[in-house]
All heavy atoms as atom14 arrays in JSON, in Angstrom:
{
  "sequence": "QAYGQVPINVDEMNIDMLSSSAHKINGPKGIGFLYIRK",
  "atom14_mask": [
    [1, 1, 1, 1, 1, 1, 1, 1, 1, 0, 0, 0, 0, 0],
    [1, 1, 1, 1, 1, 0, 0, 0, 0, 0, 0, 0, 0, 0],
    [1, 1, 1, 1, 1, 1, 1, 1, 1, 1, 1, 1, 0, 0],
    [1, 1, 1, 1, 0, 0, 0, 0, 0, 0, 0, 0, 0, 0],
    [1, 1, 1, 1, 1, 1, 1, 1, 1, 0, 0, 0, 0, 0],
    [1, 1, 1, 1, 1, 1, 1, 0, 0, 0, 0, 0, 0, 0],
    [1, 1, 1, 1, 1, 1, 1, 0, 0, 0, 0, 0, 0, 0],
    [1, 1, 1, 1, 1, 1, 1, 1, 0, 0, 0, 0, 0, 0],
    [1, 1, 1, 1, 1, 1, 1, 1, 0, 0, 0, 0, 0, 0],
    [1, 1, 1, 1, 1, 1, 1, 0, 0, 0, 0, 0, 0, 0],
    [1, 1, 1, 1, 1, 1, 1, 1, 0, 0, 0, 0, 0, 0],
    [1, 1, 1, 1, 1, 1, 1, 1, 1, 0, 0, 0, 0, 0],
    [1, 1, 1, 1, 1, 1, 1, 1, 0, 0, 0, 0, 0, 0],
    [1, 1, 1, 1, 1, 1, 1, 1, 0, 0, 0, 0, 0, 0],
    [1, 1, 1, 1, 1, 1, 1, 1, 0, 0, 0, 0, 0, 0],
    [1, 1, 1, 1, 1, 1, 1, 1, 0, 0, 0, 0, 0, 0],
    [1, 1, 1, 1, 1, 1, 1, 1, 0, 0, 0, 0, 0, 0],
    [1, 1, 1, 1, 1, 1, 1, 1, 0, 0, 0, 0, 0, 0],
    [1, 1, 1, 1, 1, 1, 0, 0, 0, 0, 0, 0, 0, 0],
    [1, 1, 1, 1, 1, 1, 0, 0, 0, 0, 0, 0, 0, 0],
    [1, 1, 1, 1, 1, 1, 0, 0, 0, 0, 0, 0, 0, 0],
    [1, 1, 1, 1, 1, 0, 0, 0, 0, 0, 0, 0, 0, 0],
    [1, 1, 1, 1, 1, 1, 1, 1, 1, 1, 0, 0, 0, 0],
    [1, 1, 1, 1, 1, 1, 1, 1, 1, 0, 0, 0, 0, 0],
    [1, 1, 1, 1, 1, 1, 1, 1, 0, 0, 0, 0, 0, 0],
    [1, 1, 1, 1, 1, 1, 1, 1, 0, 0, 0, 0, 0, 0],
    [1, 1, 1, 1, 0, 0, 0, 0, 0, 0, 0, 0, 0, 0],
    [1, 1, 1, 1, 1, 1, 1, 0, 0, 0, 0, 0, 0, 0],
    [1, 1, 1, 1, 1, 1, 1, 1, 1, 0, 0, 0, 0, 0],
    [1, 1, 1, 1, 0, 0, 0, 0, 0, 0, 0, 0, 0, 0],
    [1, 1, 1, 1, 1, 1, 1, 1, 0, 0, 0, 0, 0, 0],
    [1, 1, 1, 1, 0, 0, 0, 0, 0, 0, 0, 0, 0, 0],
    [1, 1, 1, 1, 1, 1, 1, 1, 1, 1, 1, 0, 0, 0],
    [1, 1, 1, 1, 1, 1, 1, 1, 0, 0, 0, 0, 0, 0],
    [1, 1, 1, 1, 1, 1, 1, 1, 1, 1, 1, 1, 0, 0],
    [1, 1, 1, 1, 1, 1, 1, 1, 0, 0, 0, 0, 0, 0],
    [1, 1, 1, 1, 1, 1, 1, 1, 1, 1, 1, 0, 0, 0],
    [1, 1, 1, 1, 1, 1, 1, 1, 1, 0, 0, 0, 0, 0]
  ],
  "atom14_positions": [
    [[0.83, -5.23, -5.61], [1.98, -6.12, -5.79], [3.27, -5.53, -5.24], [4.23, -6.25, -4.98], [2.16, -6.45, -7.27], [1.04, -7.24, -7.89], [0.92, -8.65, -7.35], [1.88, -9.23, -6.84], [-0.27, -9.23, -7.44], [0.0, 0.0, 0.0], [0.0, 0.0, 0.0], [0.0, 0.0, 0.0], [0.0, 0.0, 0.0], [0.0, 0.0, 0.0]],
    [[3.32, -4.22, -5.08], [4.57, -3.55, -4.71], [4.76, -3.39, -3.2], [5.9, -3.46, -2.71], [4.62, -2.17, -5.38], [0.0, 0.0, 0.0], [0.0, 0.0, 0.0], [0.0, 0.0, 0.0], [0.0, 0.0, 0.0], [0.0, 0.0, 0.0], [0.0, 0.0, 0.0], [0.0, 0.0, 0.0], [0.0, 0.0, 0.0], [0.0, 0.0, 0.0]],
    [[3.66, -3.16, -2.47], [3.8, -2.89, -1.03], [4.4, -4.12, -0.33], [3.91, -5.24, -0.47], [2.44, -2.56, -0.42], [2.51, -2.22, 1.06], [3.05, -1.02, 1.49], [2.07, -3.13, 2.03], [3.15, -0.71, 2.84], [2.16, -2.83, 3.38], [2.71, -1.62, 3.78], [2.81, -1.32, 5.12], [0.0, 0.0, 0.0], [0.0, 0.0, 0.0]],
    [[5.46, -3.89, 0.4], [6.17, -4.99, 1.07], [7.25, -5.63, 0.22], [8.02, -6.45, 0.71], [0.0, 0.0, 0.0], [0.0, 0.0, 0.0], [0.0, 0.0, 0.0], [0.0, 0.0, 0.0], [0.0, 0.0, 0.0], [0.0, 0.0, 0.0], [0.0, 0.0, 0.0], [0.0, 0.0, 0.0], [0.0, 0.0, 0.0], [0.0, 0.0, 0.0]],
    [[7.3, -5.27, -1.07], [8.32, -5.81, -1.97], [9.36, -4.76, -2.36], [10.51, -5.1, -2.63], [7.67, -6.35, -3.25], [6.93, -7.66, -3.09], [7.88, -8.85, -2.93], [8.38, -9.12, -1.85], [8.15, -9.54, -4.01], [0.0, 0.0, 0.0], [0.0, 0.0, 0.0], [0.0, 0.0, 0.0], [0.0, 0.0, 0.0], [0.0, 0.0, 0.0]],
    [[8.94, -3.51, -2.41], [9.86, -2.41, -2.73], [9.57, -1.25, -1.77], [8.45, -1.09, -1.31], [9.7, -1.93, -4.2], [10.11, -3.02, -5.17], [8.27, -1.49, -4.49], [0.0, 0.0, 0.0], [0.0, 0.0, 0.0], [0.0, 0.0, 0.0], [0.0, 0.0, 0.0], [0.0, 0.0, 0.0], [0.0, 0.0, 0.0], [0.0, 0.0, 0.0]],
    [[10.58, -0.44, -1.45], [10.35, 0.71, -0.56], [9.41, 1.73, -1.2], [9.51, 2.0, -2.4], [11.76, 1.3, -0.36], [12.71, 0.23, -0.8], [12.0, -0.56, -1.85], [0.0, 0.0, 0.0], [0.0, 0.0, 0.0], [0.0, 0.0, 0.0], [0.0, 0.0, 0.0], [0.0, 0.0, 0.0], [0.0, 0.0, 0.0], [0.0, 0.0, 0.0]],
    [[8.5, 2.27, -0.41], [7.54, 3.27, -0.9], [7.49, 4.43, 0.1], [7.29, 4.21, 1.29], [6.12, 2.68, -1.06], [6.13, 1.49, -2.05], [5.14, 3.75, -1.53], [4.79, 0.76, -2.14], [0.0, 0.0, 0.0], [0.0, 0.0, 0.0], [0.0, 0.0, 0.0], [0.0, 0.0, 0.0], [0.0, 0.0, 0.0], [0.0, 0.0, 0.0]],
    [[7.66, 5.65, -0.42], [7.45, 6.85, 0.4], [6.49, 7.76, -0.36], [6.84, 8.28, -1.43], [8.77, 7.57, 0.68], [8.59, 8.75, 1.62], [7.92, 9.73, 1.28], [9.16, 8.68, 2.81], [0.0, 0.0, 0.0], [0.0, 0.0, 0.0], [0.0, 0.0, 0.0], [0.0, 0.0, 0.0], [0.0, 0.0, 0.0], [0.0, 0.0, 0.0]],
    [[5.29, 7.92, 0.15], [4.24, 8.62, -0.6], [4.54, 10.09, -0.81], [4.13, 10.68, -1.82], [2.84, 8.43, 0.06], [2.38, 6.99, -0.08], [2.85, 8.86, 1.52], [0.0, 0.0, 0.0], [0.0, 0.0, 0.0], [0.0, 0.0, 0.0], [0.0, 0.0, 0.0], [0.0, 0.0, 0.0], [0.0, 0.0, 0.0], [0.0, 0.0, 0.0]],
    [[5.25, 10.72, 0.13], [5.59, 12.14, -0.04], [6.67, 12.32, -1.1], [6.55, 13.16, -1.99], [6.04, 12.75, 1.29], [4.87, 13.04, 2.21], [3.72, 13.08, 1.71], [5.08, 13.2, 3.42], [0.0, 0.0, 0.0], [0.0, 0.0, 0.0], [0.0, 0.0, 0.0], [0.0, 0.0, 0.0], [0.0, 0.0, 0.0], [0.0, 0.0, 0.0]],
    [[7.73, 11.53, -1.0], [8.82, 11.62, -1.98], [8.33, 11.3, -3.39], [8.85, 11.84, -4.37], [9.96, 10.67, -1.6], [10.75, 11.1, -0.38], [11.81, 10.08, 0.01], [12.04, 9.12, -0.77], [12.41, 10.24, 1.09], [0.0, 0.0, 0.0], [0.0, 0.0, 0.0], [0.0, 0.0, 0.0], [0.0, 0.0, 0.0], [0.0, 0.0, 0.0]],
    [[7.34, 10.42, -3.49], [6.84, 9.98, -4.8], [5.6, 10.74, -5.26], [5.04, 10.43, -6.31], [6.55, 8.47, -4.75], [7.79, 7.63, -4.52], [7.41, 5.87, -4.39], [9.07, 5.17, -4.43], [0.0, 0.0, 0.0], [0.0, 0.0, 0.0], [0.0, 0.0, 0.0], [0.0, 0.0, 0.0], [0.0, 0.0, 0.0], [0.0, 0.0, 0.0]],
    [[5.17, 11.73, -4.46], [4.0, 12.56, -4.82], [2.76, 11.71, -5.1], [2.01, 11.96, -6.05], [4.32, 13.44, -6.03], [5.45, 14.42, -5.76], [5.33, 15.28, -4.91], [6.56, 14.25, -6.46], [0.0, 0.0, 0.0], [0.0, 0.0, 0.0], [0.0, 0.0, 0.0], [0.0, 0.0, 0.0], [0.0, 0.0, 0.0], [0.0, 0.0, 0.0]],
    [[2.54, 10.7, -4.26], [1.37, 9.83, -4.41], [0.23, 10.4, -3.56], [0.41, 10.66, -2.37], [1.7, 8.38, -3.97], [2.78, 7.78, -4.88], [0.45, 7.51, -3.97], [3.38, 6.48, -4.33], [0.0, 0.0, 0.0], [0.0, 0.0, 0.0], [0.0, 0.0, 0.0], [0.0, 0.0, 0.0], [0.0, 0.0, 0.0], [0.0, 0.0, 0.0]],
    [[-0.93, 10.57, -4.16], [-2.09, 11.1, -3.43], [-2.97, 10.01, -2.85], [-3.61, 10.2, -1.81], [-2.94, 11.98, -4.36], [-2.18, 13.22, -4.82], [-1.7, 13.97, -3.95], [-2.05, 13.42, -6.04], [0.0, 0.0, 0.0], [0.0, 0.0, 0.0], [0.0, 0.0, 0.0], [0.0, 0.0, 0.0], [0.0, 0.0, 0.0], [0.0, 0.0, 0.0]],
    [[-3.03, 8.85, -3.54], [-3.81, 7.7, -3.06], [-3.08, 6.43, -3.44], [-2.51, 6.35, -4.54], [-5.22, 7.7, -3.65], [-6.11, 8.82, -3.13], [-7.66, 8.96, -4.08], [-7.07, 9.8, -5.56], [0.0, 0.0, 0.0], [0.0, 0.0, 0.0], [0.0, 0.0, 0.0], [0.0, 0.0, 0.0], [0.0, 0.0, 0.0], [0.0, 0.0, 0.0]],
    [[-3.11, 5.44, -2.55], [-2.39, 4.18, -2.8], [-3.19, 3.02, -2.23], [-3.66, 3.07, -1.09], [-1.0, 4.25, -2.15], [-0.09, 3.03, -2.29], [1.37, 3.46, -2.42], [-0.23, 2.07, -1.1], [0.0, 0.0, 0.0], [0.0, 0.0, 0.0], [0.0, 0.0, 0.0], [0.0, 0.0, 0.0], [0.0, 0.0, 0.0], [0.0, 0.0, 0.0]],
    [[-3.35, 1.97, -3.04], [-4.11, 0.78, -2.65], [-3.18, -0.38, -2.32], [-2.15, -0.56, -2.98], [-5.02, 0.32, -3.8], [-5.79, 1.38, -4.3], [0.0, 0.0, 0.0], [0.0, 0.0, 0.0], [0.0, 0.0, 0.0], [0.0, 0.0, 0.0], [0.0, 0.0, 0.0], [0.0, 0.0, 0.0], [0.0, 0.0, 0.0], [0.0, 0.0, 0.0]],
    [[-3.59, -1.18, -1.32], [-2.81, -2.36, -0.97], [-3.72, -3.45, -0.44], [-4.89, -3.2, -0.12], [-1.75, -2.0, 0.09], [-1.06, -3.14, 0.52], [0.0, 0.0, 0.0], [0.0, 0.0, 0.0], [0.0, 0.0, 0.0], [0.0, 0.0, 0.0], [0.0, 0.0, 0.0], [0.0, 0.0, 0.0], [0.0, 0.0, 0.0], [0.0, 0.0, 0.0]],
    [[-3.2, -4.67, -0.36], [-3.99, -5.83, 0.1], [-3.12, -6.75, 0.94], [-2.0, -7.07, 0.55], [-4.53, -6.59, -1.12], [-5.38, -7.62, -0.72], [0.0, 0.0, 0.0], [0.0, 0.0, 0.0], [0.0, 0.0, 0.0], [0.0, 0.0, 0.0], [0.0, 0.0, 0.0], [0.0, 0.0, 0.0], [0.0, 0.0, 0.0], [0.0, 0.0, 0.0]],
    [[-3.65, -7.19, 2.08], [-2.85, -7.94, 3.05], [-2.42, -9.31, 2.56], [-1.33, -9.78, 2.88], [-3.64, -8.09, 4.36], [0.0, 0.0, 0.0], [0.0, 0.0, 0.0], [0.0, 0.0, 0.0], [0.0, 0.0, 0.0], [0.0, 0.0, 0.0], [0.0, 0.0, 0.0], [0.0, 0.0, 0.0], [0.0, 0.0, 0.0], [0.0, 0.0, 0.0]],
    [[-3.27, -9.98, 1.78], [-2.97, -11.38, 1.46], [-1.84, -11.55, 0.45], [-1.42, -12.66, 0.17], [-4.23, -12.12, 1.0], [-4.69, -11.81, -0.39], [-4.48, -12.67, -1.44], [-5.36, -10.75, -0.9], [-5.0, -12.15, -2.55], [-5.54, -10.99, -2.23], [0.0, 0.0, 0.0], [0.0, 0.0, 0.0], [0.0, 0.0, 0.0], [0.0, 0.0, 0.0]],
    [[-1.31, -10.43, -0.06], [-0.14, -10.5, -0.94], [1.17, -10.5, -0.15], [2.23, -10.75, -0.71], [-0.12, -9.32, -1.91], [-1.4, -9.14, -2.72], [-1.67, -10.27, -3.69], [-2.85, -9.91, -4.59], [-3.19, -10.96, -5.55], [0.0, 0.0, 0.0], [0.0, 0.0, 0.0], [0.0, 0.0, 0.0], [0.0, 0.0, 0.0], [0.0, 0.0, 0.0]],
    [[1.09, -10.2, 1.17], [2.31, -10.12, 1.97], [2.21, -11.03, 3.21], [2.65, -10.66, 4.29], [2.65, -8.67, 2.37], [1.49, -8.02, 3.16], [2.99, -7.83, 1.15], [1.91, -6.74, 3.88], [0.0, 0.0, 0.0], [0.0, 0.0, 0.0], [0.0, 0.0, 0.0], [0.0, 0.0, 0.0], [0.0, 0.0, 0.0], [0.0, 0.0, 0.0]],
    [[1.63, -12.21, 3.02], [1.5, -13.2, 4.1], [0.56, -12.76, 5.21], [0.7, -13.16, 6.36], [2.87, -13.58, 4.68], [3.82, -14.12, 3.63], [4.77, -13.44, 3.23], [3.54, -15.32, 3.14], [0.0, 0.0, 0.0], [0.0, 0.0, 0.0], [0.0, 0.0, 0.0], [0.0, 0.0, 0.0], [0.0, 0.0, 0.0], [0.0, 0.0, 0.0]],
    [[-0.42, -11.92, 4.83], [-1.47, -11.52, 5.76], [-2.77, -12.21, 5.38], [-2.82, -13.05, 4.47], [0.0, 0.0, 0.0], [0.0, 0.0, 0.0], [0.0, 0.0, 0.0], [0.0, 0.0, 0.0], [0.0, 0.0, 0.0], [0.0, 0.0, 0.0], [0.0, 0.0, 0.0], [0.0, 0.0, 0.0], [0.0, 0.0, 0.0], [0.0, 0.0, 0.0]],
    [[-3.87, -11.86, 6.06], [-5.16, -12.51, 5.8], [-5.85, -11.94, 4.56], [-5.57, -10.82, 4.13], [-5.97, -12.18, 7.05], [-5.4, -10.88, 7.53], [-3.93, -10.92, 7.19], [0.0, 0.0, 0.0], [0.0, 0.0, 0.0], [0.0, 0.0, 0.0], [0.0, 0.0, 0.0], [0.0, 0.0, 0.0], [0.0, 0.0, 0.0], [0.0, 0.0, 0.0]],
    [[-6.76, -12.71, 4.0], [-7.6, -12.23, 2.91], [-8.73, -11.37, 3.48], [-9.08, -11.49, 4.64], [-8.17, -13.41, 2.12], [-7.1, -14.24, 1.41], [-7.69, -15.48, 0.77], [-6.62, -16.3, 0.08], [-5.64, -16.88, 1.02], [0.0, 0.0, 0.0], [0.0, 0.0, 0.0], [0.0, 0.0, 0.0], [0.0, 0.0, 0.0], [0.0, 0.0, 0.0]],
    [[-9.3, -10.52, 2.62], [-10.46, -9.74, 3.03], [-10.15, -8.44, 3.75], [-11.03, -7.84, 4.35], [0.0, 0.0, 0.0], [0.0, 0.0, 0.0], [0.0, 0.0, 0.0], [0.0, 0.0, 0.0], [0.0, 0.0, 0.0], [0.0, 0.0, 0.0], [0.0, 0.0, 0.0], [0.0, 0.0, 0.0], [0.0, 0.0, 0.0], [0.0, 0.0, 0.0]],
    [[-8.88, -7.98, 3.67], [-8.54, -6.71, 4.28], [-7.45, -6.03, 3.44], [-6.54, -6.69, 2.93], [-8.06, -6.87, 5.76], [-7.88, -5.52, 6.44], [-6.8, -7.72, 5.84], [-9.16, -4.78, 6.7], [0.0, 0.0, 0.0], [0.0, 0.0, 0.0], [0.0, 0.0, 0.0], [0.0, 0.0, 0.0], [0.0, 0.0, 0.0], [0.0, 0.0, 0.0]],
    [[-7.6, -4.73, 3.26], [-6.6, -3.95, 2.55], [-6.5, -2.59, 3.2], [-7.09, -2.35, 4.25], [0.0, 0.0, 0.0], [0.0, 0.0, 0.0], [0.0, 0.0, 0.0], [0.0, 0.0, 0.0], [0.0, 0.0, 0.0], [0.0, 0.0, 0.0], [0.0, 0.0, 0.0], [0.0, 0.0, 0.0], [0.0, 0.0, 0.0], [0.0, 0.0, 0.0]],
    [[-5.71, -1.7, 2.59], [-5.74, -0.31, 3.05], [-5.74, 0.6, 1.83], [-5.27, 0.24, 0.75], [-4.61, 0.03, 4.02], [-3.23, 0.19, 3.43], [-2.88, 1.31, 2.68], [-2.25, -0.77, 3.65], [-1.61, 1.46, 2.15], [-0.97, -0.63, 3.12], [-0.65, 0.49, 2.37], [0.0, 0.0, 0.0], [0.0, 0.0, 0.0], [0.0, 0.0, 0.0]],
    [[-6.29, 1.78, 2.04], [-6.21, 2.85, 1.06], [-5.6, 4.06, 1.76], [-6.12, 4.52, 2.77], [-7.59, 3.22, 0.51], [-7.61, 4.38, -0.51], [-6.84, 4.03, -1.77], [-9.05, 4.77, -0.86], [0.0, 0.0, 0.0], [0.0, 0.0, 0.0], [0.0, 0.0, 0.0], [0.0, 0.0, 0.0], [0.0, 0.0, 0.0], [0.0, 0.0, 0.0]],
    [[-4.47, 4.51, 1.23], [-3.88, 5.76, 1.69], [-4.54, 6.9, 0.91], [-4.62, 6.85, -0.32], [-2.37, 5.75, 1.46], [-1.76, 7.14, 1.37], [-1.58, 7.92, 2.51], [-1.38, 7.67, 0.14], [-1.05, 9.2, 2.42], [-0.84, 8.95, 0.04], [-0.69, 9.71, 1.19], [-0.17, 10.98, 1.1], [0.0, 0.0, 0.0], [0.0, 0.0, 0.0]],
    [[-5.03, 7.9, 1.64], [-5.61, 9.08, 1.01], [-4.91, 10.3, 1.61], [-5.03, 10.57, 2.81], [-7.14, 9.2, 1.27], [-7.87, 7.91, 0.85], [-7.72, 10.4, 0.53], [-9.35, 7.88, 1.24], [0.0, 0.0, 0.0], [0.0, 0.0, 0.0], [0.0, 0.0, 0.0], [0.0, 0.0, 0.0], [0.0, 0.0, 0.0], [0.0, 0.0, 0.0]],
    [[-4.18, 11.02, 0.79], [-3.46, 12.19, 1.27], [-4.41, 13.21, 1.88], [-5.51, 13.44, 1.35], [-2.68, 12.84, 0.12], [-1.86, 14.07, 0.54], [-1.13, 14.7, -0.63], [-0.13, 13.81, -1.2], [1.09, 13.61, -0.67], [1.43, 14.22, 0.45], [1.94, 12.79, -1.24], [0.0, 0.0, 0.0], [0.0, 0.0, 0.0], [0.0, 0.0, 0.0]],
    [[-4.0, 13.81, 2.98], [-4.81, 14.85, 3.62], [-5.11, 15.96, 2.62], [-4.21, 16.43, 1.92], [-4.05, 15.42, 4.83], [-4.87, 16.41, 5.64], [-4.07, 16.94, 6.82], [-4.89, 17.96, 7.6], [-4.11, 18.55, 8.71], [0.0, 0.0, 0.0], [0.0, 0.0, 0.0], [0.0, 0.0, 0.0], [0.0, 0.0, 0.0], [0.0, 0.0, 0.0]]
  ]
}
């Protein structure tokens, strides 16, 4: 719900993994992304 609605910086926020979905931001259904820190 947050991606595309509020600014996110994974390093500043110490996030190791983050989930998102395209159809919540005027994109297509059936695709998302997972950020996985190196």
